[in-house]
Amino acid sequence: MISTISKNNSSFLKSNTTIKVGIQNLVHFLEQNSEIAGLHLDIESLSKSEIPNYKKFIQMLKQRLPKEKVLTIAIFPQLEFPNRNLVIHSDLFQEKSIDEFVLMSYDFHSPKTNPGPVTSISLTRKNLEFLLKQIPSSKLWLGLPLYGYFWNQSGKVKILTQNDFRKLKENSEIIPNEDGFTVLKNKNGIGYISDLNTLEKYKELTQSYGLKGSVFWRIGF
């Protein structure tokens, strides 16, 4: 896990000097852990002023990495996505310094939105088709959530894990949806999750679009 903010709330992207220090630390980390295939950057929150420096950081980092090390980037969906931070990644899709991309096909719904599915086949398909106009399929991974959310009638929202789903479904109404998610209803509220069986449907997208593969967030959910 790589943080862009230090303990004194200062971003390493603020200057060329701090960017170079960050890159040196990453290169040193790889030198000390030679079994690691490369680096995966999951940067999800930046100020608008830092976005150009993020791209510069990626370019400078790639130049310093050994040729055999892979640089991958997690990217937000760009269509019908409620998080304004999607602009962080909007200018990266044709960046040659990036070896591979991981589409985080989530959170289309979250504690900050009305109740709804974290992901769906239709929204995933729409965003894949948008990205594949700019990114070769051989460089694109599909990232899927192993979790969902439960909206309590009290107004509280909590993460719904696969274990939670297995426990709650005995005393809940379970409504499978063909769009790649399952609805869970009970006296306390409503939840949405893509259970393990439902997630199998997304493999068809990975195969039909010739993607690099699928990844899941995360072990423990």
Protein backbone atom coordinates (compact mmCIF):
# COMPACT_ATOMS: atom_id res chain seq x y z
CA MET A 1 0.00 0.00 0.00
CA ILE A 2 1.49 3.34 -1.10
CA SER A 3 0.16 6.58 0.39
CA THR A 4 0.44 9.92 -1.37
CA ILE A 5 0.17 11.82 1.93
CA SER A 6 2.76 11.92 4.70
CA LYS A 7 2.10 12.31 8.43
CA ASN A 8 2.30 16.09 8.12
CA ASN A 9 -0.36 16.05 5.36
CA SER A 10 2.17 16.82 2.63
CA SER A 11 1.86 15.08 -0.75
CA PHE A 12 4.95 13.58 -2.39
CA LEU A 13 3.56 14.91 -5.69
CA LYS A 14 4.07 18.54 -4.68
CA SER A 15 7.48 18.96 -6.41
CA ASN A 16 10.03 17.25 -8.64
CA THR A 17 12.26 16.77 -5.60
CA THR A 18 9.66 14.91 -3.56
CA ILE A 19 8.60 12.90 -6.63
CA LYS A 20 12.21 11.76 -7.13
CA VAL A 21 12.43 10.76 -3.46
CA GLY A 22 9.24 8.72 -3.80
CA ILE A 23 10.53 6.99 -6.93
CA GLN A 24 13.86 6.21 -5.29
CA ASN A 25 12.04 4.60 -2.37
CA LEU A 26 9.97 2.43 -4.73
CA VAL A 27 13.01 1.38 -6.76
CA HIS A 28 14.83 0.50 -3.55
CA PHE A 29 11.82 -1.54 -2.40
CA LEU A 30 11.91 -3.57 -5.62
CA GLU A 31 15.66 -4.08 -5.29
CA GLN A 32 15.12 -5.48 -1.80
CA ASN A 33 12.23 -7.69 -3.00
CA SER A 34 13.38 -9.02 -6.35
CA GLU A 35 10.64 -11.67 -6.48
CA ILE A 36 7.98 -8.95 -6.99
CA ALA A 37 6.94 -8.62 -10.65
CA GLY A 38 6.34 -4.87 -10.55
CA LEU A 39 4.28 -2.08 -9.02
CA HIS A 40 0.54 -1.48 -8.94
CA LEU A 41 -0.59 2.08 -8.20
CA ASP A 42 -4.06 2.62 -6.73
CA ILE A 43 -4.33 6.40 -6.39
CA GLU A 44 -7.97 7.37 -5.81
CA SER A 45 -7.86 10.88 -4.35
CA LEU A 46 -5.85 13.86 -5.56
CA SER A 47 -6.41 17.58 -5.81
CA LYS A 48 -6.83 18.90 -9.35
CA SER A 49 -3.49 20.69 -9.08
CA GLU A 50 -1.73 17.37 -8.41
CA ILE A 51 -3.14 15.45 -11.39
CA PRO A 52 -0.47 16.68 -13.89
CA ASN A 53 2.25 15.73 -11.42
CA TYR A 54 0.73 12.26 -11.02
CA LYS A 55 1.18 11.69 -14.74
CA LYS A 56 4.73 13.05 -14.53
CA PHE A 57 5.41 10.72 -11.60
CA ILE A 58 4.24 7.70 -13.63
CA GLN A 59 6.49 8.65 -16.54
CA MET A 60 9.53 9.23 -14.34
CA LEU A 61 8.89 6.03 -12.37
CA LYS A 62 8.68 3.90 -15.50
CA GLN A 63 12.02 5.27 -16.70
CA ARG A 64 13.65 4.14 -13.45
CA LEU A 65 12.11 0.67 -13.31
CA PRO A 66 14.05 -2.33 -14.61
CA LYS A 67 12.68 -3.40 -18.00
CA GLU A 68 11.32 -6.68 -16.63
CA LYS A 69 9.20 -4.93 -13.97
CA VAL A 70 5.56 -4.18 -14.82
CA LEU A 71 3.79 -0.91 -13.95
CA THR A 72 0.02 -1.21 -13.57
CA ILE A 73 -2.56 1.43 -12.67
CA ALA A 74 -5.99 1.11 -11.07
CA ILE A 75 -8.55 3.31 -12.86
CA PHE A 76 -12.07 4.46 -12.04
CA PRO A 77 -15.01 3.85 -14.38
CA GLN A 78 -15.53 6.89 -16.61
CA LEU A 79 -19.24 6.50 -17.43
CA GLU A 80 -22.19 6.83 -15.02
CA PHE A 81 -19.81 6.86 -12.06
CA PRO A 82 -20.77 8.99 -9.03
CA ASN A 83 -17.24 9.73 -7.79
CA ARG A 84 -15.82 12.98 -9.17
CA ASN A 85 -12.29 11.68 -8.64
CA LEU A 86 -12.66 9.76 -11.89
CA VAL A 87 -10.89 12.73 -13.53
CA ILE A 88 -7.64 11.58 -11.89
CA HIS A 89 -7.40 8.80 -14.46
CA SER A 90 -9.12 10.38 -17.47
CA ASP A 91 -5.89 11.48 -19.16
CA LEU A 92 -3.92 8.27 -18.62
CA PHE A 93 -5.47 5.78 -21.01
CA GLN A 94 -2.98 6.36 -23.83
CA GLU A 95 0.03 6.88 -21.57
CA LYS A 96 2.79 4.63 -22.93
CA SER A 97 4.56 4.46 -19.57
CA ILE A 98 1.73 2.30 -18.19
CA ASP A 99 2.02 -1.40 -18.98
CA GLU A 100 -1.43 -2.49 -17.82
CA PHE A 101 -4.65 -1.03 -16.43
CA VAL A 102 -7.14 -2.42 -13.90
CA LEU A 103 -10.71 -1.14 -14.28
CA MET A 104 -12.18 -0.90 -10.77
CA SER A 105 -15.76 -1.67 -11.76
CA TYR A 106 -17.07 -0.37 -8.41
CA ASP A 107 -18.50 1.60 -6.41
CA PHE A 108 -21.42 2.61 -8.62
CA HIS A 109 -23.37 2.75 -5.35
CA SER A 110 -21.88 3.38 -1.92
CA PRO A 111 -22.65 4.95 1.47
CA LYS A 112 -22.57 8.30 -0.36
CA THR A 113 -25.40 7.34 -2.76
CA ASN A 114 -28.88 5.92 -2.67
CA PRO A 115 -29.15 2.12 -2.25
CA GLY A 116 -28.08 0.12 -5.28
CA PRO A 117 -25.56 -2.41 -6.60
CA VAL A 118 -21.83 -1.81 -6.19
CA THR A 119 -21.36 -3.16 -9.70
CA SER A 120 -23.47 -4.50 -12.56
CA ILE A 121 -22.87 -6.27 -15.84
CA SER A 122 -24.46 -3.48 -17.87
CA LEU A 123 -22.35 -0.70 -16.33
CA THR A 124 -19.23 -2.85 -16.48
CA ARG A 125 -19.84 -3.61 -20.14
CA LYS A 126 -20.47 0.06 -20.95
CA ASN A 127 -17.22 1.15 -19.30
CA LEU A 128 -15.20 -1.66 -20.87
CA GLU A 129 -16.39 -0.69 -24.33
CA PHE A 130 -15.47 2.94 -23.63
CA LEU A 131 -11.97 2.02 -22.41
CA LEU A 132 -11.29 -0.48 -25.18
CA LYS A 133 -11.51 2.34 -27.71
CA GLN A 134 -8.33 3.69 -26.09
CA ILE A 135 -6.63 0.72 -24.39
CA PRO A 136 -5.70 -2.60 -26.06
CA SER A 137 -7.63 -5.49 -24.52
CA SER A 138 -4.33 -7.25 -23.78
CA LYS A 139 -3.45 -4.41 -21.38
CA LEU A 140 -6.76 -4.26 -19.50
CA TRP A 141 -7.83 -6.20 -16.41
CA LEU A 142 -11.37 -6.29 -15.01
CA GLY A 143 -11.48 -5.52 -11.28
CA LEU A 144 -14.57 -6.74 -9.40
CA PRO A 145 -15.80 -6.34 -5.81
CA LEU A 146 -16.24 -9.23 -3.39
CA TYR A 147 -18.31 -6.96 -1.13
CA GLY A 148 -21.54 -5.00 -1.21
CA TYR A 149 -23.36 -2.58 1.07
CA PHE A 150 -26.35 -2.85 3.39
CA TRP A 151 -28.54 0.21 3.89
CA ASN A 152 -30.17 0.02 7.31
CA GLN A 153 -33.56 1.64 7.84
CA SER A 154 -31.93 3.77 10.53
CA GLY A 155 -29.87 5.42 7.80
CA LYS A 156 -26.59 3.70 8.57
CA VAL A 157 -24.73 1.93 5.77
CA LYS A 158 -22.28 -0.91 6.36
CA ILE A 159 -20.10 -3.13 4.19
CA LEU A 160 -21.75 -6.42 3.29
CA THR A 161 -19.16 -9.20 3.08
CA GLN A 162 -19.59 -12.64 1.56
CA ASN A 163 -19.70 -14.07 5.11
CA ASP A 164 -22.38 -11.53 6.09
CA PHE A 165 -24.40 -12.52 3.04
CA ARG A 166 -24.24 -16.21 3.88
CA LYS A 167 -25.40 -15.54 7.45
CA LEU A 168 -28.16 -13.05 6.61
CA LYS A 169 -29.74 -14.84 3.66
CA GLU A 170 -31.37 -17.45 5.92
CA ASN A 171 -33.67 -14.78 7.37
CA SER A 172 -33.90 -12.47 4.37
CA GLU A 173 -35.59 -12.28 1.01
CA ILE A 174 -33.00 -12.98 -1.70
CA ILE A 175 -33.66 -11.55 -5.16
CA PRO A 176 -31.14 -12.48 -7.88
CA ASN A 177 -30.82 -9.91 -10.66
CA GLU A 178 -29.72 -10.87 -14.16
CA ASP A 179 -27.57 -7.73 -14.32
CA GLY A 180 -24.94 -9.34 -12.13
CA PHE A 181 -25.93 -8.70 -8.53
CA THR A 182 -28.20 -10.00 -5.76
CA VAL A 183 -30.61 -7.99 -3.60
CA LEU A 184 -31.02 -8.90 0.08
CA LYS A 185 -34.09 -7.60 1.93
CA ASN A 186 -35.10 -8.02 5.57
CA LYS A 187 -36.82 -6.09 8.35
CA ASN A 188 -33.67 -4.05 8.98
CA GLY A 189 -33.08 -2.76 5.46
CA ILE A 190 -31.78 -3.64 2.01
CA GLY A 191 -28.42 -4.78 0.70
CA TYR A 192 -26.77 -5.42 -2.66
CA ILE A 193 -23.90 -7.78 -3.39
CA SER A 194 -22.49 -9.86 -6.21
CA ASP A 195 -22.13 -13.27 -4.60
CA LEU A 196 -19.54 -15.78 -5.77
CA ASN A 197 -21.96 -17.55 -8.12
CA THR A 198 -23.07 -14.25 -9.66
CA LEU A 199 -19.47 -13.13 -10.19
CA GLU A 200 -18.99 -16.11 -12.49
CA LYS A 201 -21.14 -14.24 -15.03
CA TYR A 202 -18.47 -11.55 -15.29
CA LYS A 203 -15.97 -14.11 -16.54
CA GLU A 204 -17.90 -14.08 -19.80
CA LEU A 205 -17.09 -10.37 -20.19
CA THR A 206 -13.40 -11.02 -19.55
CA GLN A 207 -13.37 -13.75 -22.17
CA SER A 208 -15.57 -12.10 -24.79
CA TYR A 209 -13.57 -8.86 -24.75
CA GLY A 210 -10.22 -10.68 -24.67
CA LEU A 211 -9.10 -8.96 -21.47
CA LYS A 212 -5.86 -9.71 -19.65
CA GLY A 213 -7.85 -11.28 -16.82
CA SER A 214 -9.96 -10.59 -13.74
CA VAL A 215 -8.96 -9.41 -10.27
CA PHE A 216 -10.99 -9.06 -7.07
CA TRP A 217 -11.06 -6.60 -4.20
CA ARG A 218 -10.32 -8.13 -1.83
CA ILE A 219 -9.25 -11.27 0.07
CA GLY A 220 -11.10 -11.26 3.39
CA PHE A 221 -14.42 -10.10 1.94
